[in-house]
Amino acid sequence: MFARLNVFTKITLLFVALLVLVLFLYTYSNRESVRVIEHEIQNNTMNHLSTFADSVESNIYQLSLYGMSIGQDSSIQEYQRPDYKDVPYERVKVGSAILEKMNLYNAASKWHSTITLYFPRLQKAISTDYYAYIPYREDDFSKPLSKSWTYTQNQFEWYTTEPTTAMDAPDKSRLITKISFPVHHLTTMLDQNKLNNKGDPFMFHPEMGLISNTSGNETLTSILSKLRELNLQEKGGFTTTLDHTEYYVSYIQSPSLGWYYVDYVPMQQILGPITSSRNLFYASIAVLIAMSVVVLYVLYRSVQLPLLQLVKGTNRLSTGDFSVRLNYTSRNEFSLLFARFNIMAQRIQELIENVYEEQLRRREATLKQLQSQINPHFLYNCLFYIKNMARMKNEKAVVAMALNLGEYYRYITRSENDEATLKEELTMVQNYLEIQALRLERMHFTIEVPDDMLHKTLPRLTLQPIVENAIIHGIEPRTEDGHITITGHHEGEICTISVEDSGRGMSEDQMQELIHNLHKPLDGNMGCGTWNVHQRLYFLYGEDAGLSYEHSPSGGVKVSITWYNNINK
């Protein structure tokens, strides 16, 4: 299939294939690069978020650890001594010591937290919050305490009991420790993380809402609504588009607080250089395609069209149309080629015309030669007949033959035209048959030709040799009466005259040999009468015209003469 295409089409297809291959390879490479960078962005975002989460969890763990260890302090045990009931001063003194220790811990801790100790047996409370009076209320500890951090009134709270098994019945415990820290500690860490990592982290809870850094924007609100729609796992990430900007959002759930640490990164901001490079490449490809179209168009006009014109001219020349000439206005190599082609076509046309003229002259000479061979042949037969009739003292036959012979030569010498109408030929044949009927009293003839065929033309002396052979080779060898029938019919321009005799006929082999001899060159062993008739018809009308032989139902031979009446057209 590809081999049948012309050169221009092949070049165009190869260029398109190369362009498609380049686009495919670049697109694949670009996608792989973007995929790798996106993967790295996701990993970096998750790593930064994990670092931030670990830092927050470390501070929370320290607070929880202190809350669990404070119950083991000796001052706490001493504060609950029953004998201090009658010595309030000592209990206040121990309480001041406990409060001093808690303040020292806050001073050493990264986060400033509020530590409150509840003593269910003493119905008292000690807190590091100097500005609030915190009484002990039994109703606050009538229910089981939460074992995790809880969020309320912009702060996180965590409870533990001494012993720890009393979380489900805190009013039966010896000590209840409450540690709380405000949200601004988390906000401060979020600000620091944003400043260091150039991210925008925040904390999210499906029910509690949002804890963001101090520079929270509208994008956080949009991401918040997206987070509420998803079924979040312990950690993960997803890609979302907000305000025509693609973001990658990663999240990690805090095991202590129950909230999610969330951070997001605008992908387009990082992938911007790659996108710009890709767009520049596509723009370059578009310019290349436009320039290629212009080049292909110029190539098509300057090369392909002249080649097509040259191919068409060559095809017409190969089919025999030597009048073809090529017109080309541009001045380049093709103009010289077209000029040489026109000169070649003109010379070939002149040569072919000369050959045709020579063939016509040779054909005319051949026809003249064949015609000249028939005239003496017929004359010799007629003279021999007159001689025989004179010996037989048959003056009537001699007179009839002499008159017929005179009419015959007047007929063939009357005009230089080599053709005659069928009527003229039949008149000559009828005179000939009457002469033969005088010579052979046992011979009879019938002529049945439609009137609309009488004006048809054919070469002179076409019928006479056929009739003569029918008499000599068919009727004369037999002793009984013989009959010759001449019929005619036509179909359009195809005319047929049949000469049928009731003579002795011939075998199939003899007939095939006779038909074969019609197409052979003339030699001394062949009769020239029927051969000349067939050759004249063949030269004048083509290979479909000529003589044909078949067996006659009356026992003899039927010879059909076929020719075309449109030879003059």
Protein backbone atom coordinates (compact mmCIF):
# COMPACT_ATOMS: atom_id res chain seq x y z
CA MET A 1 0.00 0.00 0.00
CA PHE A 2 2.76 2.45 0.99
CA ALA A 3 4.81 1.54 -2.09
CA ARG A 4 1.97 2.65 -4.39
CA LEU A 5 1.95 6.20 -3.04
CA ASN A 6 3.80 8.96 -4.85
CA VAL A 7 6.98 10.54 -3.49
CA PHE A 8 5.29 13.70 -2.20
CA THR A 9 2.69 11.71 -0.26
CA LYS A 10 5.40 9.52 1.23
CA ILE A 11 7.41 12.56 2.34
CA THR A 12 4.29 14.11 3.88
CA LEU A 13 3.37 10.89 5.70
CA LEU A 14 6.92 10.44 6.99
CA PHE A 15 6.98 14.03 8.24
CA VAL A 16 3.63 13.59 9.98
CA ALA A 17 4.81 10.31 11.51
CA LEU A 18 8.01 11.96 12.76
CA LEU A 19 6.05 14.88 14.20
CA VAL A 20 3.59 12.56 15.93
CA LEU A 21 6.47 10.51 17.34
CA VAL A 22 8.20 13.63 18.69
CA LEU A 23 4.96 14.88 20.23
CA PHE A 24 4.28 11.48 21.78
CA LEU A 25 7.79 11.17 23.25
CA TYR A 26 7.77 14.72 24.60
CA THR A 27 4.27 14.36 26.04
CA TYR A 28 5.22 11.08 27.68
CA SER A 29 8.46 12.57 29.05
CA ASN A 30 6.64 15.66 30.31
CA ARG A 31 4.00 13.57 32.03
CA GLU A 32 6.62 11.40 33.67
CA SER A 33 8.51 14.49 34.86
CA VAL A 34 5.33 16.03 36.25
CA ARG A 35 4.43 12.73 37.90
CA VAL A 36 7.86 12.48 39.58
CA ILE A 37 7.73 16.10 40.75
CA GLU A 38 4.19 15.68 42.04
CA HIS A 39 5.32 12.59 43.93
CA GLU A 40 8.21 14.50 45.44
CA ILE A 41 5.90 17.38 46.37
CA GLN A 42 3.54 14.98 48.09
CA ASN A 43 6.37 13.30 49.97
CA ASN A 44 7.91 16.61 51.04
CA THR A 45 4.56 17.98 52.15
CA MET A 46 3.84 14.83 54.14
CA ASN A 47 7.33 14.88 55.68
CA HIS A 48 7.01 18.52 56.73
CA LEU A 49 3.60 17.84 58.15
CA SER A 50 4.91 14.77 60.00
CA THR A 51 7.70 16.86 61.51
CA PHE A 52 5.21 19.46 62.68
CA ALA A 53 2.91 16.78 64.07
CA ASP A 54 5.79 15.11 65.94
CA SER A 55 6.74 18.45 67.50
CA VAL A 56 3.20 19.10 68.74
CA GLU A 57 2.81 15.52 69.94
CA SER A 58 6.10 15.80 71.84
CA ASN A 59 4.88 18.82 73.80
CA ILE A 60 1.53 17.19 74.48
CA TYR A 61 3.28 14.02 75.62
CA GLN A 62 5.39 16.00 78.11
CA LEU A 63 2.26 17.58 79.56
CA SER A 64 0.56 14.20 79.82
CA LEU A 65 3.60 12.63 81.41
CA TYR A 66 3.83 15.35 84.00
CA GLY A 67 0.14 15.01 84.78
CA MET A 68 0.63 11.30 85.45
CA SER A 69 3.82 11.73 87.52
CA ILE A 70 2.66 14.60 89.66
CA GLY A 71 0.43 12.32 91.67
CA GLN A 72 3.51 10.47 92.93
CA ASP A 73 5.02 13.63 94.43
CA SER A 74 5.52 13.43 98.22
CA SER A 75 4.01 16.86 98.72
CA ILE A 76 0.77 15.62 97.21
CA GLN A 77 0.76 12.68 99.56
CA GLU A 78 1.55 14.94 102.53
CA TYR A 79 -1.15 17.42 101.52
CA GLN A 80 -3.75 14.67 101.93
CA ARG A 81 -2.66 13.66 105.46
CA PRO A 82 -5.71 13.30 107.71
CA ASP A 83 -3.96 14.92 110.73
CA TYR A 84 -3.71 18.24 108.83
CA LYS A 85 -7.39 18.60 109.28
CA ASP A 86 -6.84 20.21 112.67
CA VAL A 87 -3.71 22.12 111.49
CA PRO A 88 -4.84 24.28 108.54
CA TYR A 89 -1.57 26.17 108.49
CA GLU A 90 0.46 23.12 107.63
CA ARG A 91 -1.88 22.17 104.81
CA VAL A 92 -1.69 25.68 103.36
CA LYS A 93 2.06 25.52 103.64
CA VAL A 94 2.22 22.20 101.76
CA GLY A 95 -0.25 23.54 99.19
CA SER A 96 2.04 26.50 98.55
CA ALA A 97 4.92 24.10 98.03
CA ILE A 98 2.89 22.10 95.53
CA LEU A 99 1.91 25.20 93.64
CA GLU A 100 5.53 26.37 93.56
CA LYS A 101 6.61 23.04 92.03
CA MET A 102 3.92 23.30 89.34
CA ASN A 103 5.01 26.83 88.48
CA LEU A 104 8.59 25.68 88.16
CA TYR A 105 7.48 23.01 85.71
CA ASN A 106 5.60 25.60 83.65
CA ALA A 107 8.64 27.81 83.61
CA ALA A 108 10.78 24.96 82.31
CA SER A 109 8.20 23.70 79.80
CA LYS A 110 7.92 24.94 76.20
CA TRP A 111 4.22 25.48 76.62
CA HIS A 112 2.68 27.38 79.45
CA SER A 113 -0.20 25.25 80.70
CA THR A 114 -2.70 25.46 83.49
CA ILE A 115 -2.40 22.64 86.01
CA THR A 116 -5.25 22.05 88.43
CA LEU A 117 -5.27 19.41 91.17
CA TYR A 118 -8.57 18.19 92.62
CA PHE A 119 -8.68 16.34 95.93
CA PRO A 120 -12.05 14.51 96.15
CA ARG A 121 -11.51 13.44 99.77
CA LEU A 122 -10.64 16.97 100.88
CA GLN A 123 -13.13 18.66 98.54
CA LYS A 124 -10.33 21.13 97.58
CA ALA A 125 -8.56 22.28 94.41
CA ILE A 126 -5.13 23.78 93.66
CA SER A 127 -4.48 25.55 90.34
CA THR A 128 -1.69 27.52 88.71
CA ASP A 129 -4.28 29.96 87.42
CA TYR A 130 -3.86 32.85 89.84
CA TYR A 131 -6.61 34.91 88.31
CA ALA A 132 -9.43 32.42 88.65
CA TYR A 133 -11.01 30.87 91.67
CA ILE A 134 -11.52 27.20 90.97
CA PRO A 135 -13.77 25.52 93.53
CA TYR A 136 -14.27 21.80 93.83
CA ARG A 137 -17.71 20.73 92.59
CA GLU A 138 -18.77 17.15 93.02
CA ASP A 139 -21.08 17.32 90.00
CA ASP A 140 -18.05 17.80 87.72
CA PHE A 141 -16.72 14.37 88.63
CA SER A 142 -19.84 12.34 88.95
CA LYS A 143 -19.34 10.84 85.48
CA PRO A 144 -16.41 8.97 83.95
CA LEU A 145 -13.62 11.16 82.68
CA SER A 146 -12.42 11.21 79.04
CA LYS A 147 -9.16 9.40 78.52
CA SER A 148 -8.07 11.71 75.72
CA TRP A 149 -7.63 15.41 75.25
CA THR A 150 -10.82 17.40 74.77
CA TYR A 151 -11.34 20.79 73.17
CA THR A 152 -13.50 23.42 74.82
CA GLN A 153 -13.50 27.19 75.02
CA ASN A 154 -10.36 27.62 72.85
CA GLN A 155 -8.25 25.31 74.94
CA PHE A 156 -7.41 21.62 75.23
CA GLU A 157 -7.93 19.75 78.49
CA TRP A 158 -6.74 16.39 79.76
CA TYR A 159 -7.60 14.52 83.00
CA THR A 160 -5.86 11.77 84.92
CA THR A 161 -6.54 10.23 88.31
CA GLU A 162 -4.57 8.68 91.14
CA PRO A 163 -4.88 5.81 90.91
CA THR A 164 -5.36 5.66 87.11
CA THR A 165 -7.97 2.94 87.45
CA ALA A 166 -10.37 5.48 88.92
CA MET A 167 -11.04 7.23 85.54
CA ASP A 168 -14.50 5.67 85.40
CA ALA A 169 -15.30 6.77 89.01
CA PRO A 170 -13.26 9.91 89.60
CA ASP A 171 -15.07 10.83 92.83
CA LYS A 172 -13.54 7.69 94.41
CA SER A 173 -9.96 8.65 93.48
CA ARG A 174 -7.38 10.30 95.75
CA LEU A 175 -6.32 12.88 93.16
CA ILE A 176 -7.67 14.26 89.88
CA THR A 177 -5.18 16.13 87.73
CA LYS A 178 -6.36 18.49 85.01
CA ILE A 179 -3.90 19.94 82.50
CA SER A 180 -5.02 22.49 79.91
CA PHE A 181 -3.25 24.68 77.38
CA PRO A 182 -4.63 27.44 75.20
CA VAL A 183 -5.01 27.18 71.39
CA HIS A 184 -2.54 30.03 70.79
CA HIS A 185 0.33 27.59 71.51
CA LEU A 186 -0.75 25.60 68.42
CA THR A 187 -1.29 28.81 66.45
CA THR A 188 2.25 29.92 67.31
CA MET A 189 3.68 26.61 66.12
CA LEU A 190 1.62 26.82 62.93
CA ASP A 191 3.06 30.28 62.27
CA GLN A 192 6.60 29.06 62.86
CA ASN A 193 6.09 26.05 60.60
CA LYS A 194 4.70 28.24 57.83
CA LEU A 195 7.64 30.62 58.15
CA ASN A 196 10.22 27.82 58.01
CA ASN A 197 8.65 25.52 55.43
CA LYS A 198 6.76 28.06 53.32
CA GLY A 199 3.60 26.00 53.76
CA ASP A 200 0.26 26.95 55.23
CA PRO A 201 -0.55 24.30 57.88
CA PHE A 202 -3.70 24.24 60.00
CA MET A 203 -5.62 21.86 62.23
CA PHE A 204 -9.02 20.46 61.42
CA HIS A 205 -11.72 18.56 63.25
CA PRO A 206 -14.92 17.44 61.51
CA GLU A 207 -17.03 18.70 64.42
CA MET A 208 -14.93 21.35 66.16
CA GLY A 209 -13.89 23.24 63.07
CA LEU A 210 -10.60 24.90 62.20
CA ILE A 211 -7.46 26.07 63.98
CA SER A 212 -5.31 28.05 61.59
CA ASN A 213 -2.27 30.25 61.77
CA THR A 214 -2.65 33.98 62.16
CA SER A 215 -2.64 34.53 58.39
CA GLY A 216 -5.59 32.28 57.59
CA ASN A 217 -7.21 33.02 54.22
CA GLU A 218 -10.27 32.11 52.21
CA THR A 219 -8.51 29.09 50.69
CA LEU A 220 -8.61 27.40 54.11
CA THR A 221 -12.37 27.73 54.19
CA SER A 222 -12.67 26.08 50.76
CA ILE A 223 -10.35 23.26 51.81
CA LEU A 224 -12.29 22.88 55.05
CA SER A 225 -15.51 22.18 53.13
CA LYS A 226 -13.65 19.66 50.97
CA LEU A 227 -12.28 17.91 54.07
CA ARG A 228 -15.76 17.56 55.55
CA GLU A 229 -16.95 15.81 52.38
CA LEU A 230 -14.24 13.14 52.56
CA ASN A 231 -13.95 10.08 54.75
CA LEU A 232 -10.52 10.81 56.21
CA GLN A 233 -8.13 8.06 57.29
CA GLU A 234 -5.31 8.30 59.82
CA LYS A 235 -3.06 9.88 57.22
CA GLY A 236 -3.20 10.57 53.52
CA GLY A 237 -3.52 13.18 50.81
CA PHE A 238 -5.63 14.21 47.86
CA THR A 239 -5.63 16.66 44.97
CA THR A 240 -8.34 19.27 44.58
CA THR A 241 -8.97 22.31 42.43
CA LEU A 242 -10.01 25.55 44.06
CA ASP A 243 -10.58 28.77 42.11
CA HIS A 244 -8.98 27.22 39.00
CA THR A 245 -5.87 26.34 41.01
CA GLU A 246 -4.80 22.79 41.74
CA TYR A 247 -3.72 22.00 45.33
CA TYR A 248 -2.30 18.95 46.99
CA VAL A 249 -3.67 18.53 50.52
CA SER A 250 -2.00 16.17 53.02
CA TYR A 251 -3.26 15.33 56.50
CA ILE A 252 -2.21 13.36 59.62
CA GLN A 253 -4.47 12.56 62.54
CA SER A 254 -3.16 13.43 66.01
CA PRO A 255 -3.33 10.30 68.23
CA SER A 256 -3.59 12.44 71.38
CA LEU A 257 -5.81 15.34 70.34
CA GLY A 258 -7.96 13.58 67.71
CA TRP A 259 -7.60 16.53 65.35
CA TYR A 260 -5.99 16.46 61.90
CA TYR A 261 -2.80 18.28 61.03
CA VAL A 262 -3.40 19.56 57.50
CA ASP A 263 -1.15 21.30 54.99
CA TYR A 264 -1.65 22.17 51.32
CA VAL A 265 0.62 23.18 48.47
CA PRO A 266 -0.38 24.87 45.19
CA MET A 267 0.83 22.47 42.52
CA GLN A 268 0.78 25.05 39.74
CA GLN A 269 3.16 27.30 41.64
CA ILE A 270 5.78 24.54 41.70
CA LEU A 271 4.98 23.06 38.31
CA GLY A 272 4.83 26.50 36.70
CA PRO A 273 8.29 26.33 35.04
CA ILE A 274 7.54 22.89 33.61
CA THR A 275 4.16 24.08 32.34
CA SER A 276 5.79 27.13 30.77
CA SER A 277 8.39 24.94 29.12
CA ARG A 278 5.68 22.62 27.84
CA ASN A 279 3.63 25.49 26.44
CA LEU A 280 6.73 26.92 24.80
CA PHE A 281 7.45 23.56 23.20
CA TYR A 282 3.88 23.24 21.90
CA ALA A 283 4.05 26.79 20.56
CA SER A 284 7.32 25.90 18.80
CA ILE A 285 5.68 22.78 17.35
CA ALA A 286 2.76 24.90 16.13
CA VAL A 287 5.16 27.32 14.43
CA LEU A 288 7.05 24.35 12.97
CA ILE A 289 3.82 22.85 11.64
CA ALA A 290 2.83 26.17 10.07
CA MET A 291 6.25 26.53 8.44
CA SER A 292 6.13 22.89 7.32
CA VAL A 293 2.74 23.44 5.71
CA VAL A 294 4.17 26.40 3.81
CA VAL A 295 7.22 24.35 2.77
CA LEU A 296 5.04 21.41 1.71
CA TYR A 297 2.79 23.74 -0.25
CA VAL A 298 5.76 25.29 -2.05
CA LEU A 299 7.18 21.82 -2.66
CA TYR A 300 3.81 20.67 -3.97
CA ARG A 301 3.52 23.64 -6.33
CA SER A 302 7.13 23.56 -7.46
CA VAL A 303 7.78 19.81 -7.65
CA GLN A 304 4.68 17.65 -7.21
CA LEU A 305 2.42 19.43 -9.70
CA PRO A 306 5.06 19.42 -12.47
CA LEU A 307 5.77 15.76 -11.75
CA LEU A 308 2.05 14.92 -11.94
CA GLN A 309 1.77 16.86 -15.19
CA LEU A 310 4.79 15.03 -16.55
CA VAL A 311 3.40 11.64 -15.47
CA LYS A 312 0.02 12.37 -17.10
CA GLY A 313 1.76 13.48 -20.29
CA THR A 314 3.87 10.31 -20.31
CA ASN A 315 0.78 8.14 -19.77
CA ARG A 316 -1.01 9.84 -22.67
CA LEU A 317 2.09 9.38 -24.79
CA SER A 318 2.23 5.67 -23.89
CA THR A 319 -1.42 5.22 -24.95
CA GLY A 320 -0.69 6.63 -28.41
CA ASP A 321 -1.74 10.25 -27.94
CA PHE A 322 1.33 11.86 -29.50
CA SER A 323 -0.33 15.27 -29.71
CA VAL A 324 0.16 15.87 -25.98
CA ARG A 325 2.15 18.99 -25.05
CA LEU A 326 3.07 20.25 -21.59
CA ASN A 327 2.71 23.89 -20.54
CA TYR A 328 4.83 25.23 -17.67
CA THR A 329 5.32 28.93 -16.98
CA SER A 330 7.89 28.83 -14.15
CA ARG A 331 11.55 29.11 -14.99
CA ASN A 332 13.37 26.25 -13.31
CA GLU A 333 14.64 22.76 -14.08
CA PHE A 334 11.14 21.53 -14.93
CA SER A 335 10.72 24.16 -17.66
CA LEU A 336 13.75 22.69 -19.44
CA LEU A 337 12.46 19.18 -18.89
CA PHE A 338 9.01 20.07 -20.24
CA ALA A 339 10.56 21.73 -23.30
CA ARG A 340 12.59 18.57 -24.02
CA PHE A 341 9.47 16.46 -23.51
CA ASN A 342 7.50 18.55 -26.02
CA ILE A 343 10.33 18.24 -28.56
CA MET A 344 10.44 14.47 -28.02
CA ALA A 345 6.64 14.13 -28.37
CA GLN A 346 6.68 16.21 -31.56
CA ARG A 347 9.44 14.10 -33.09
CA ILE A 348 7.70 10.87 -32.12
CA GLN A 349 4.45 12.17 -33.62
CA GLU A 350 6.20 13.08 -36.85
CA LEU A 351 7.89 9.67 -36.95
CA ILE A 352 4.62 7.82 -36.29
CA GLU A 353 2.83 9.84 -38.97
CA ASN A 354 5.58 8.97 -41.44
CA VAL A 355 5.28 5.30 -40.49
CA TYR A 356 1.49 5.44 -40.89
CA GLU A 357 1.83 7.06 -44.31
CA GLU A 358 4.32 4.39 -45.34
CA GLN A 359 1.98 1.65 -44.11
CA LEU A 360 -0.91 3.20 -46.03
CA ARG A 361 1.18 3.32 -49.20
CA ARG A 362 2.25 -0.28 -48.74
CA ARG A 363 -1.31 -1.35 -48.01
CA GLU A 364 -2.56 0.45 -51.14
CA ALA A 365 0.18 -1.16 -53.22
CA THR A 366 -0.75 -4.58 -51.84
CA LEU A 367 -4.39 -4.04 -52.71
CA LYS A 368 -3.43 -2.93 -56.22
CA GLN A 369 -1.29 -6.03 -56.60
CA LEU A 370 -4.09 -8.32 -55.45
CA GLN A 371 -6.52 -6.58 -57.77
CA SER A 372 -4.14 -6.97 -60.72
CA GLN A 373 -3.81 -10.68 -59.99
CA ILE A 374 -7.54 -11.28 -60.19
CA ASN A 375 -8.09 -9.57 -63.57
CA PRO A 376 -5.82 -11.86 -65.69
CA HIS A 377 -7.03 -14.93 -63.80
CA PHE A 378 -10.59 -14.29 -64.84
CA LEU A 379 -9.51 -13.37 -68.37
CA TYR A 380 -7.64 -16.64 -68.79
CA ASN A 381 -10.70 -18.64 -67.77
CA CYS A 382 -12.92 -16.73 -70.18
CA LEU A 383 -10.51 -17.15 -73.13
CA PHE A 384 -10.21 -20.87 -72.48
CA TYR A 385 -13.98 -21.10 -72.45
CA ILE A 386 -14.28 -19.22 -75.81
CA LYS A 387 -11.66 -21.54 -77.25
CA ASN A 388 -13.54 -24.61 -76.12
CA MET A 389 -16.86 -23.28 -77.37
CA ALA A 390 -15.35 -22.41 -80.75
CA ARG A 391 -14.07 -25.97 -81.08
CA MET A 392 -17.53 -27.21 -80.25
CA LYS A 393 -19.03 -24.88 -82.94
CA ASN A 394 -21.26 -23.31 -80.23
CA GLU A 395 -21.54 -19.87 -81.71
CA LYS A 396 -24.24 -18.79 -79.28
CA ALA A 397 -22.06 -19.53 -76.32
CA VAL A 398 -19.08 -17.86 -77.97
CA VAL A 399 -21.13 -14.72 -78.71
CA ALA A 400 -22.56 -14.68 -75.20
CA MET A 401 -19.15 -15.13 -73.61
CA ALA A 402 -17.59 -12.49 -75.84
CA LEU A 403 -20.32 -10.01 -75.05
CA ASN A 404 -20.07 -10.79 -71.33
CA LEU A 405 -16.30 -10.51 -71.46
CA GLY A 406 -16.60 -7.14 -73.14
CA GLU A 407 -19.11 -5.97 -70.53
CA TYR A 408 -16.76 -7.22 -67.82
CA TYR A 409 -13.76 -5.25 -69.06
CA ARG A 410 -15.89 -2.22 -69.67
CA TYR A 411 -16.96 -2.60 -65.99
CA ILE A 412 -13.46 -2.84 -64.52
CA THR A 413 -11.92 -0.19 -66.78
CA ARG A 414 -14.79 2.24 -66.60
CA SER A 415 -13.59 3.89 -63.36
CA GLU A 416 -10.48 4.02 -61.26
CA ASN A 417 -12.54 3.38 -58.14
CA ASP A 418 -11.65 0.02 -56.60
CA GLU A 419 -15.11 -0.37 -55.00
CA ALA A 420 -18.49 -1.19 -56.46
CA THR A 421 -21.99 -1.50 -55.18
CA LEU A 422 -23.38 -4.91 -54.40
CA LYS A 423 -25.88 -4.42 -57.24
CA GLU A 424 -23.07 -4.00 -59.77
CA GLU A 425 -21.27 -7.06 -58.43
CA LEU A 426 -24.43 -9.18 -58.59
CA THR A 427 -25.09 -8.05 -62.16
CA MET A 428 -21.60 -9.17 -63.14
CA VAL A 429 -22.03 -12.49 -61.29
CA GLN A 430 -25.40 -13.07 -62.92
CA ASN A 431 -23.83 -12.59 -66.41
CA TYR A 432 -21.07 -14.99 -65.43
CA LEU A 433 -23.55 -17.60 -64.16
CA GLU A 434 -25.59 -17.36 -67.35
CA ILE A 435 -22.44 -18.00 -69.39
CA GLN A 436 -21.62 -21.02 -67.18
CA ALA A 437 -25.21 -22.23 -67.47
CA LEU A 438 -24.80 -22.16 -71.26
CA ARG A 439 -21.67 -24.26 -70.89
CA LEU A 440 -23.14 -26.61 -68.31
CA GLU A 441 -26.79 -27.25 -69.00
CA ARG A 442 -27.13 -29.18 -65.71
CA MET A 443 -26.22 -26.10 -63.62
CA HIS A 444 -28.85 -23.77 -62.11
CA PHE A 445 -28.56 -20.74 -59.86
CA THR A 446 -30.65 -18.56 -57.56
CA ILE A 447 -29.89 -15.04 -56.31
CA GLU A 448 -31.83 -13.80 -53.26
CA VAL A 449 -30.44 -10.55 -51.85
CA PRO A 450 -32.58 -7.91 -50.04
CA ASP A 451 -33.05 -4.68 -51.93
CA ASP A 452 -31.74 -2.61 -48.98
CA MET A 453 -28.35 -4.30 -49.43
CA LEU A 454 -27.91 -3.46 -53.09
CA HIS A 455 -26.42 -0.05 -52.31
CA LYS A 456 -23.76 -1.49 -50.02
CA THR A 457 -20.22 -1.19 -51.32
CA LEU A 458 -17.45 -3.79 -51.46
CA PRO A 459 -14.24 -4.34 -53.45
CA ARG A 460 -14.67 -5.08 -57.14
CA LEU A 461 -14.61 -8.72 -58.29
CA THR A 462 -15.22 -10.09 -54.79
CA LEU A 463 -18.08 -12.48 -55.67
CA GLN A 464 -16.89 -13.75 -59.05
CA PRO A 465 -13.90 -15.85 -57.78
CA ILE A 466 -16.09 -17.49 -55.12
CA VAL A 467 -18.80 -18.38 -57.65
CA GLU A 468 -16.17 -19.65 -60.06
CA ASN A 469 -14.68 -21.99 -57.42
CA ALA A 470 -18.16 -23.29 -56.59
CA ILE A 471 -18.70 -24.20 -60.24
CA ILE A 472 -15.25 -25.66 -60.91
CA HIS A 473 -14.74 -27.60 -57.65
CA GLY A 474 -18.33 -28.26 -56.68
CA ILE A 475 -20.66 -28.56 -59.69
CA GLU A 476 -18.41 -29.71 -62.56
CA PRO A 477 -16.98 -32.89 -60.91
CA ARG A 478 -20.51 -34.26 -60.50
CA THR A 479 -22.57 -35.79 -63.36
CA GLU A 480 -25.96 -34.91 -61.93
CA ASP A 481 -27.56 -31.48 -61.82
CA GLY A 482 -26.13 -28.83 -59.53
CA HIS A 483 -27.46 -25.69 -57.98
CA ILE A 484 -25.78 -22.51 -56.76
CA THR A 485 -27.58 -20.21 -54.31
CA ILE A 486 -26.50 -16.66 -53.53
CA THR A 487 -28.13 -15.05 -50.45
CA GLY A 488 -27.46 -11.93 -48.46
CA HIS A 489 -28.30 -10.33 -45.11
CA HIS A 490 -26.95 -7.60 -42.86
CA GLU A 491 -27.03 -6.56 -39.22
CA GLY A 492 -26.35 -2.87 -38.94
CA GLU A 493 -23.10 -2.20 -40.77
CA ILE A 494 -22.07 -5.87 -40.87
CA CYS A 495 -22.89 -7.31 -44.32
CA THR A 496 -22.76 -10.97 -45.32
CA ILE A 497 -23.11 -12.64 -48.78
CA SER A 498 -23.23 -16.44 -48.84
CA VAL A 499 -22.47 -18.59 -51.92
CA GLU A 500 -23.72 -22.15 -51.45
CA ASP A 501 -23.41 -25.05 -53.91
CA SER A 502 -24.84 -28.55 -54.02
CA GLY A 503 -21.60 -30.08 -55.25
CA ARG A 504 -19.55 -32.94 -53.91
CA GLY A 505 -18.36 -30.93 -50.89
CA MET A 506 -15.20 -31.66 -48.92
CA SER A 507 -14.01 -33.44 -45.82
CA GLU A 508 -13.45 -31.69 -42.48
CA ASP A 509 -9.66 -31.91 -42.89
CA GLN A 510 -9.81 -30.41 -46.37
CA MET A 511 -11.98 -27.56 -45.11
CA GLN A 512 -9.63 -26.82 -42.17
CA GLU A 513 -6.66 -26.82 -44.54
CA LEU A 514 -8.49 -24.40 -46.85
CA ILE A 515 -9.28 -22.07 -43.95
CA HIS A 516 -5.65 -22.28 -42.78
CA ASN A 517 -4.35 -21.40 -46.26
CA LEU A 518 -6.32 -18.16 -46.26
CA HIS A 519 -3.96 -16.74 -43.60
CA LYS A 520 -0.70 -18.05 -45.11
CA PRO A 521 1.50 -16.23 -47.63
CA LEU A 522 0.68 -17.11 -51.21
CA ASP A 523 2.75 -19.94 -52.76
CA GLY A 524 2.69 -21.97 -55.96
CA ASN A 525 0.54 -24.78 -54.50
CA MET A 526 -2.37 -22.51 -53.56
CA GLY A 527 -5.14 -21.00 -55.70
CA CYS A 528 -4.95 -17.23 -55.73
CA GLY A 529 -8.65 -16.43 -56.32
CA THR A 530 -10.19 -16.99 -52.88
CA TRP A 531 -6.90 -16.05 -51.14
CA ASN A 532 -6.87 -12.67 -52.88
CA VAL A 533 -10.50 -12.01 -51.97
CA HIS A 534 -9.84 -12.82 -48.30
CA GLN A 535 -6.65 -10.74 -48.19
CA ARG A 536 -8.32 -7.71 -49.79
CA LEU A 537 -11.18 -7.83 -47.29
CA TYR A 538 -8.71 -8.29 -44.44
CA PHE A 539 -6.60 -5.29 -45.47
CA LEU A 540 -9.62 -3.06 -46.07
CA TYR A 541 -11.90 -3.89 -43.15
CA GLY A 542 -9.73 -5.55 -40.51
CA GLU A 543 -9.35 -8.99 -39.02
CA ASP A 544 -13.09 -9.59 -38.49
CA ALA A 545 -13.75 -9.34 -42.26
CA GLY A 546 -13.00 -12.00 -44.90
CA LEU A 547 -14.13 -15.48 -45.94
CA SER A 548 -15.53 -18.27 -43.81
CA TYR A 549 -16.29 -21.88 -44.82
CA GLU A 550 -18.84 -24.40 -43.57
CA HIS A 551 -20.64 -27.49 -44.83
CA SER A 552 -23.83 -26.88 -46.80
CA PRO A 553 -27.05 -28.78 -45.95
CA SER A 554 -27.36 -29.57 -49.70
CA GLY A 555 -24.08 -31.51 -49.59
CA GLY A 556 -21.64 -28.92 -50.89
CA VAL A 557 -19.79 -25.99 -49.38
CA LYS A 558 -21.12 -22.71 -48.10
CA VAL A 559 -18.79 -19.71 -48.38
CA SER A 560 -19.72 -16.54 -46.49
CA ILE A 561 -18.23 -13.14 -47.35
CA THR A 562 -18.30 -10.65 -44.45
CA TRP A 563 -17.38 -6.96 -44.58
CA TYR A 564 -18.35 -3.62 -43.04
CA ASN A 565 -20.21 -0.96 -44.91
CA ASN A 566 -18.71 1.95 -42.89
CA ILE A 567 -15.25 1.78 -44.40
CA ASN A 568 -15.69 5.24 -45.99
CA LYS A 569 -16.77 6.75 -42.71
